[in-house]
């Protein structure tokens, strides 16, 4: 994992290899593929906001599940 603070870009290395092409999954997420179309990396732009929002959404969902499971 590499984080470029100034650009607010997070790069996740999945496997070593040379990038053959990339696909944009969403406006801020791009995956990099090798020449066999295997995933080798993920680039996340505006990473701090993306991670904050993703973690918050996950925590809120888990909290709701736990609250619903508790007897009243």
PDB file of N, CA and C in Angstrom:
ATOM      1  N   UNK A   1       0.849  -1.159   0.000  1.00  0.00           N
ATOM      2  CA  UNK A   1       0.000   0.000   0.000  1.00  0.00           C
ATOM      3  C   UNK A   1       0.900   1.228   0.000  1.00  0.00           C
ATOM      4  N   UNK A   2       0.556   2.185  -0.835  1.00  0.00           N
ATOM      5  CA  UNK A   2       1.294   3.448  -0.882  1.00  0.00           C
ATOM      6  C   UNK A   2       0.293   4.593  -0.847  1.00  0.00           C
ATOM      7  N   UNK A   3       0.597   5.585  -0.018  1.00  0.00           N
ATOM      8  CA  UNK A   3      -0.267   6.762   0.072  1.00  0.00           C
ATOM      9  C   UNK A   3       0.539   7.988  -0.305  1.00  0.00           C
ATOM     10  N   UNK A   4       0.002   8.765  -1.231  1.00  0.00           N
ATOM     11  CA  UNK A   4       0.630  10.003  -1.680  1.00  0.00           C
ATOM     12  C   UNK A   4      -0.188  11.159  -1.103  1.00  0.00           C
ATOM     13  N   UNK A   5       0.317  11.689   0.000  1.00  0.00           N
ATOM     14  CA  UNK A   5      -0.451  12.651   0.785  1.00  0.00           C
ATOM     15  C   UNK A   5      -0.805  13.912   0.006  1.00  0.00           C
ATOM     16  N   UNK A   6       0.144  14.467  -0.685  1.00  0.00           N
ATOM     17  CA  UNK A   6      -0.113  15.730  -1.386  1.00  0.00           C
ATOM     18  C   UNK A   6      -1.239  15.575  -2.407  1.00  0.00           C
ATOM     19  N   UNK A   7      -1.243  14.449  -3.106  1.00  0.00           N
ATOM     20  CA  UNK A   7      -2.264  14.205  -4.125  1.00  0.00           C
ATOM     21  C   UNK A   7      -3.516  13.536  -3.560  1.00  0.00           C
ATOM     22  N   UNK A   8      -3.432  13.047  -2.318  1.00  0.00           N
ATOM     23  CA  UNK A   8      -4.503  12.299  -1.656  1.00  0.00           C
ATOM     24  C   UNK A   8      -4.905  11.087  -2.489  1.00  0.00           C
ATOM     25  N   UNK A   9      -3.873  10.315  -2.879  1.00  0.00           N
ATOM     26  CA  UNK A   9      -4.072   9.112  -3.684  1.00  0.00           C
ATOM     27  C   UNK A   9      -3.557   7.909  -2.896  1.00  0.00           C
ATOM     28  N   UNK A  10      -4.372   6.872  -2.841  1.00  0.00           N
ATOM     29  CA  UNK A  10      -3.974   5.626  -2.214  1.00  0.00           C
ATOM     30  C   UNK A  10      -3.818   4.591  -3.322  1.00  0.00           C
ATOM     31  N   UNK A  11      -2.672   3.918  -3.315  1.00  0.00           N
ATOM     32  CA  UNK A  11      -2.425   2.875  -4.313  1.00  0.00           C
ATOM     33  C   UNK A  11      -2.220   1.556  -3.586  1.00  0.00           C
ATOM     34  N   UNK A  12      -3.041   0.582  -3.929  1.00  0.00           N
ATOM     35  CA  UNK A  12      -2.944  -0.751  -3.335  1.00  0.00           C
ATOM     36  C   UNK A  12      -2.300  -1.691  -4.340  1.00  0.00           C
ATOM     37  N   UNK A  13      -1.169  -2.241  -3.965  1.00  0.00           N
ATOM     38  CA  UNK A  13      -0.484  -3.213  -4.812  1.00  0.00           C
ATOM     39  C   UNK A  13      -1.078  -4.582  -4.504  1.00  0.00           C
ATOM     40  N   UNK A  14      -1.660  -5.212  -5.504  1.00  0.00           N
ATOM     41  CA  UNK A  14      -2.257  -6.532  -5.335  1.00  0.00           C
ATOM     42  C   UNK A  14      -1.249  -7.607  -5.721  1.00  0.00           C
ATOM     43  N   UNK A  15      -0.537  -7.365  -6.809  1.00  0.00           N
ATOM     44  CA  UNK A  15       0.470  -8.314  -7.293  1.00  0.00           C
ATOM     45  C   UNK A  15       1.525  -7.526  -8.058  1.00  0.00           C
ATOM     46  N   UNK A  16       2.724  -8.049  -8.057  1.00  0.00           N
ATOM     47  CA  UNK A  16       3.789  -7.415  -8.835  1.00  0.00           C
ATOM     48  C   UNK A  16       3.545  -7.709 -10.313  1.00  0.00           C
ATOM     49  N   UNK A  17       3.927  -6.780 -11.137  1.00  0.00           N
ATOM     50  CA  UNK A  17       3.774  -6.986 -12.575  1.00  0.00           C
ATOM     51  C   UNK A  17       3.684  -5.662 -13.293  1.00  0.00           C
ATOM     52  N   UNK A  18       3.694  -5.757 -14.589  1.00  0.00           N
ATOM     53  CA  UNK A  18       3.616  -4.570 -15.433  1.00  0.00           C
ATOM     54  C   UNK A  18       2.172  -4.326 -15.834  1.00  0.00           C
ATOM     55  N   UNK A  19       1.739  -3.089 -15.695  1.00  0.00           N
ATOM     56  CA  UNK A  19       0.378  -2.717 -16.077  1.00  0.00           C
ATOM     57  C   UNK A  19       0.238  -2.766 -17.593  1.00  0.00           C
ATOM     58  N   UNK A  20      -0.784  -3.466 -18.032  1.00  0.00           N
ATOM     59  CA  UNK A  20      -1.081  -3.544 -19.455  1.00  0.00           C
ATOM     60  C   UNK A  20      -2.210  -2.589 -19.821  1.00  0.00           C
ATOM     61  N   UNK A  21      -3.166  -2.467 -18.894  1.00  0.00           N
ATOM     62  CA  UNK A  21      -4.285  -1.536 -19.104  1.00  0.00           C
ATOM     63  C   UNK A  21      -4.953  -1.254 -17.772  1.00  0.00           C
ATOM     64  N   UNK A  22      -5.842  -0.285 -17.800  1.00  0.00           N
ATOM     65  CA  UNK A  22      -6.572   0.064 -16.586  1.00  0.00           C
ATOM     66  C   UNK A  22      -8.045   0.256 -16.928  1.00  0.00           C
ATOM     67  N   UNK A  23      -8.869   0.070 -15.911  1.00  0.00           N
ATOM     68  CA  UNK A  23     -10.312   0.250 -16.046  1.00  0.00           C
ATOM     69  C   UNK A  23     -10.795   1.171 -14.934  1.00  0.00           C
ATOM     70  N   UNK A  24     -11.621   2.134 -15.278  1.00  0.00           N
ATOM     71  CA  UNK A  24     -12.199   3.027 -14.272  1.00  0.00           C
ATOM     72  C   UNK A  24     -13.479   2.389 -13.747  1.00  0.00           C
ATOM     73  N   UNK A  25     -13.460   2.025 -12.459  1.00  0.00           N
ATOM     74  CA  UNK A  25     -14.644   1.414 -11.844  1.00  0.00           C
ATOM     75  C   UNK A  25     -15.664   2.453 -11.429  1.00  0.00           C
ATOM     76  N   UNK A  26     -15.172   3.600 -11.006  1.00  0.00           N
ATOM     77  CA  UNK A  26     -16.010   4.726 -10.616  1.00  0.00           C
ATOM     78  C   UNK A  26     -15.158   5.971 -10.814  1.00  0.00           C
ATOM     79  N   UNK A  27     -15.721   7.147 -10.636  1.00  0.00           N
ATOM     80  CA  UNK A  27     -14.920   8.351 -10.882  1.00  0.00           C
ATOM     81  C   UNK A  27     -13.616   8.434 -10.088  1.00  0.00           C
ATOM     82  N   UNK A  28     -13.524   7.789  -8.946  1.00  0.00           N
ATOM     83  CA  UNK A  28     -12.319   7.896  -8.125  1.00  0.00           C
ATOM     84  C   UNK A  28     -11.559   6.583  -7.955  1.00  0.00           C
ATOM     85  N   UNK A  29     -12.005   5.512  -8.611  1.00  0.00           N
ATOM     86  CA  UNK A  29     -11.352   4.218  -8.439  1.00  0.00           C
ATOM     87  C   UNK A  29     -11.002   3.628  -9.805  1.00  0.00           C
ATOM     88  N   UNK A  30      -9.711   3.327  -9.947  1.00  0.00           N
ATOM     89  CA  UNK A  30      -9.210   2.715 -11.172  1.00  0.00           C
ATOM     90  C   UNK A  30      -8.470   1.438 -10.804  1.00  0.00           C
ATOM     91  N   UNK A  31      -8.711   0.369 -11.561  1.00  0.00           N
ATOM     92  CA  UNK A  31      -7.974  -0.862 -11.354  1.00  0.00           C
ATOM     93  C   UNK A  31      -6.970  -1.024 -12.488  1.00  0.00           C
ATOM     94  N   UNK A  32      -5.823  -1.582 -12.147  1.00  0.00           N
ATOM     95  CA  UNK A  32      -4.779  -1.822 -13.132  1.00  0.00           C
ATOM     96  C   UNK A  32      -4.653  -3.326 -13.350  1.00  0.00           C
ATOM     97  N   UNK A  33      -4.535  -3.708 -14.616  1.00  0.00           N
ATOM     98  CA  UNK A  33      -4.491  -5.116 -15.003  1.00  0.00           C
ATOM     99  C   UNK A  33      -3.199  -5.406 -15.753  1.00  0.00           C
ATOM    100  N   UNK A  34      -2.741  -6.654 -15.635  1.00  0.00           N
ATOM    101  CA  UNK A  34      -1.565  -7.060 -16.404  1.00  0.00           C
ATOM    102  C   UNK A  34      -2.017  -7.541 -17.787  1.00  0.00           C
ATOM    103  N   UNK A  35      -1.095  -8.077 -18.572  1.00  0.00           N
ATOM    104  CA  UNK A  35      -1.443  -8.490 -19.935  1.00  0.00           C
ATOM    105  C   UNK A  35      -2.333  -9.728 -19.985  1.00  0.00           C
ATOM    106  N   UNK A  36      -2.571 -10.376 -18.839  1.00  0.00           N
ATOM    107  CA  UNK A  36      -3.501 -11.505 -18.757  1.00  0.00           C
ATOM    108  C   UNK A  36      -4.817 -11.089 -18.093  1.00  0.00           C
ATOM    109  N   UNK A  37      -5.024  -9.766 -17.983  1.00  0.00           N
ATOM    110  CA  UNK A  37      -6.212  -9.173 -17.353  1.00  0.00           C
ATOM    111  C   UNK A  37      -6.379  -9.578 -15.899  1.00  0.00           C
ATOM    112  N   UNK A  38      -5.273  -9.827 -15.212  1.00  0.00           N
ATOM    113  CA  UNK A  38      -5.297 -10.102 -13.779  1.00  0.00           C
ATOM    114  C   UNK A  38      -5.089  -8.786 -13.034  1.00  0.00           C
ATOM    115  N   UNK A  39      -5.804  -8.630 -11.949  1.00  0.00           N
ATOM    116  CA  UNK A  39      -5.718  -7.421 -11.136  1.00  0.00           C
ATOM    117  C   UNK A  39      -4.342  -7.330 -10.483  1.00  0.00           C
ATOM    118  N   UNK A  40      -3.662  -6.192 -10.685  1.00  0.00           N
ATOM    119  CA  UNK A  40      -2.361  -6.001 -10.040  1.00  0.00           C
ATOM    120  C   UNK A  40      -2.337  -4.766  -9.140  1.00  0.00           C
ATOM    121  N   UNK A  41      -3.317  -3.877  -9.293  1.00  0.00           N
ATOM    122  CA  UNK A  41      -3.323  -2.687  -8.453  1.00  0.00           C
ATOM    123  C   UNK A  41      -4.652  -1.964  -8.481  1.00  0.00           C
ATOM    124  N   UNK A  42      -4.867  -1.168  -7.437  1.00  0.00           N
ATOM    125  CA  UNK A  42      -6.068  -0.350  -7.321  1.00  0.00           C
ATOM    126  C   UNK A  42      -5.619   1.048  -6.923  1.00  0.00           C
ATOM    127  N   UNK A  43      -6.096   2.045  -7.656  1.00  0.00           N
ATOM    128  CA  UNK A  43      -5.773   3.442  -7.350  1.00  0.00           C
ATOM    129  C   UNK A  43      -7.055   4.139  -6.907  1.00  0.00           C
ATOM    130  N   UNK A  44      -6.983   4.801  -5.751  1.00  0.00           N
ATOM    131  CA  UNK A  44      -8.135   5.513  -5.211  1.00  0.00           C
ATOM    132  C   UNK A  44      -7.776   6.987  -5.103  1.00  0.00           C
ATOM    133  N   UNK A  45      -8.481   7.821  -5.872  1.00  0.00           N
ATOM    134  CA  UNK A  45      -8.301   9.263  -5.812  1.00  0.00           C
ATOM    135  C   UNK A  45      -9.164   9.824  -4.690  1.00  0.00           C
ATOM    136  N   UNK A  46      -8.793  10.976  -4.152  1.00  0.00           N
ATOM    137  CA  UNK A  46      -9.511  11.567  -3.012  1.00  0.00           C
ATOM    138  C   UNK A  46      -9.677  10.515  -1.918  1.00  0.00           C
ATOM    139  N   UNK A  47      -8.589   9.835  -1.634  1.00  0.00           N
ATOM    140  CA  UNK A  47      -8.602   8.669  -0.756  1.00  0.00           C
ATOM    141  C   UNK A  47      -9.103   8.966   0.652  1.00  0.00           C
ATOM    142  N   UNK A  48      -8.733  10.098   1.218  1.00  0.00           N
ATOM    143  CA  UNK A  48      -9.140  10.361   2.608  1.00  0.00           C
ATOM    144  C   UNK A  48     -10.658  10.460   2.724  1.00  0.00           C
ATOM    145  N   UNK A  49     -11.306  11.137   1.788  1.00  0.00           N
ATOM    146  CA  UNK A  49     -12.767  11.246   1.823  1.00  0.00           C
ATOM    147  C   UNK A  49     -13.413   9.899   1.515  1.00  0.00           C
ATOM    148  N   UNK A  50     -12.862   9.176   0.543  1.00  0.00           N
ATOM    149  CA  UNK A  50     -13.403   7.862   0.178  1.00  0.00           C
ATOM    150  C   UNK A  50     -13.337   6.906   1.364  1.00  0.00           C
ATOM    151  N   UNK A  51     -12.187   6.834   2.014  1.00  0.00           N
ATOM    152  CA  UNK A  51     -12.034   5.920   3.148  1.00  0.00           C
ATOM    153  C   UNK A  51     -12.899   6.354   4.328  1.00  0.00           C
ATOM    154  N   UNK A  52     -12.947   7.652   4.594  1.00  0.00           N
ATOM    155  CA  UNK A  52     -13.799   8.147   5.686  1.00  0.00           C
ATOM    156  C   UNK A  52     -15.240   7.739   5.447  1.00  0.00           C
ATOM    157  N   UNK A  53     -15.731   7.987   4.230  1.00  0.00           N
ATOM    158  CA  UNK A  53     -17.121   7.670   3.912  1.00  0.00           C
ATOM    159  C   UNK A  53     -17.377   6.167   3.941  1.00  0.00           C
ATOM    160  N   UNK A  54     -16.433   5.385   3.423  1.00  0.00           N
ATOM    161  CA  UNK A  54     -16.593   3.922   3.405  1.00  0.00           C
ATOM    162  C   UNK A  54     -16.598   3.342   4.812  1.00  0.00           C
ATOM    163  N   UNK A  55     -15.671   3.801   5.635  1.00  0.00           N
ATOM    164  CA  UNK A  55     -15.600   3.314   7.011  1.00  0.00           C
ATOM    165  C   UNK A  55     -16.841   3.736   7.780  1.00  0.00           C
ATOM    166  N   UNK A  56     -17.264   4.980   7.617  1.00  0.00           N
ATOM    167  CA  UNK A  56     -18.448   5.469   8.314  1.00  0.00           C
ATOM    168  C   UNK A  56     -19.678   4.664   7.914  1.00  0.00           C
ATOM    169  N   UNK A  57     -19.837   4.398   6.626  1.00  0.00           N
ATOM    170  CA  UNK A  57     -20.979   3.615   6.151  1.00  0.00           C
ATOM    171  C   UNK A  57     -20.956   2.208   6.741  1.00  0.00           C
ATOM    172  N   UNK A  58     -19.783   1.598   6.765  1.00  0.00           N
ATOM    173  CA  UNK A  58     -19.645   0.250   7.305  1.00  0.00           C
ATOM    174  C   UNK A  58     -19.940   0.217   8.804  1.00  0.00           C
ATOM    175  N   UNK A  59     -19.400   1.189   9.526  1.00  0.00           N
ATOM    176  CA  UNK A  59     -19.611   1.254  10.979  1.00  0.00           C
ATOM    177  C   UNK A  59     -21.078   1.504  11.292  1.00  0.00           C
ATOM    178  N   UNK A  60     -21.712   2.387  10.541  1.00  0.00           N
ATOM    179  CA  UNK A  60     -23.129   2.662  10.776  1.00  0.00           C
ATOM    180  C   UNK A  60     -23.975   1.415  10.523  1.00  0.00           C
ATOM    181  N   UNK A  61     -23.672   0.681   9.451  1.00  0.00           N
ATOM    182  CA  UNK A  61     -24.433  -0.531   9.140  1.00  0.00           C
ATOM    183  C   UNK A  61     -24.239  -1.582  10.223  1.00  0.00           C
ATOM    184  N   UNK A  62     -23.004  -1.772  10.666  1.00  0.00           N
ATOM    185  CA  UNK A  62     -22.726  -2.762  11.710  1.00  0.00           C
ATOM    186  C   UNK A  62     -23.389  -2.364  13.027  1.00  0.00           C
ATOM    187  N   UNK A  63     -23.344  -1.091  13.356  1.00  0.00           N
ATOM    188  CA  UNK A  63     -23.982  -0.597  14.582  1.00  0.00           C
ATOM    189  C   UNK A  63     -25.481  -0.858  14.542  1.00  0.00           C
ATOM    190  N   UNK A  64     -26.100  -0.586  13.403  1.00  0.00           N
ATOM    191  CA  UNK A  64     -27.532  -0.830  13.257  1.00  0.00           C
ATOM    192  C   UNK A  64     -27.852  -2.315  13.422  1.00  0.00           C
ATOM    193  N   UNK A  65     -27.027  -3.179  12.836  1.00  0.00           N
ATOM    194  CA  UNK A  65     -27.236  -4.627  12.981  1.00  0.00           C
ATOM    195  C   UNK A  65     -27.152  -5.048  14.447  1.00  0.00           C
ATOM    196  N   UNK A  66     -26.163  -4.526  15.154  1.00  0.00           N
ATOM    197  CA  UNK A  66     -25.997  -4.884  16.559  1.00  0.00           C
ATOM    198  C   UNK A  66     -27.161  -4.377  17.403  1.00  0.00           C
ATOM    199  N   UNK A  67     -27.620  -3.172  17.122  1.00  0.00           N
ATOM    200  CA  UNK A  67     -28.747  -2.613  17.874  1.00  0.00           C
ATOM    201  C   UNK A  67     -30.019  -3.400  17.623  1.00  0.00           C
ATOM    202  N   UNK A  68     -30.237  -3.820  16.383  1.00  0.00           N
ATOM    203  CA  UNK A  68     -31.437  -4.587  16.045  1.00  0.00           C
ATOM    204  C   UNK A  68     -31.390  -5.981  16.669  1.00  0.00           C
ATOM    205  N   UNK A  69     -30.197  -6.523  16.890  1.00  0.00           N
ATOM    206  CA  UNK A  69     -30.055  -7.863  17.461  1.00  0.00           C
ATOM    207  C   UNK A  69     -30.223  -7.883  18.981  1.00  0.00           C
ATOM    208  N   UNK A  70     -30.101  -6.721  19.598  1.00  0.00           N
ATOM    209  CA  UNK A  70     -30.209  -6.661  21.061  1.00  0.00           C
ATOM    210  C   UNK A  70     -31.670  -6.698  21.489  1.00  0.00           C
ATOM    211  N   UNK A  71     -31.936  -7.441  22.543  1.00  0.00           N
ATOM    212  CA  UNK A  71     -33.298  -7.435  23.082  1.00  0.00           C
ATOM    213  C   UNK A  71     -33.598  -6.070  23.699  1.00  0.00           C
ATOM    214  N   UNK A  72     -34.826  -5.699  23.634  1.00  0.00           N
ATOM    215  CA  UNK A  72     -35.204  -4.398  24.201  1.00  0.00           C
ATOM    216  C   UNK A  72     -35.823  -4.568  25.543  1.00  0.00           C
TER     217      UNK A  72
END
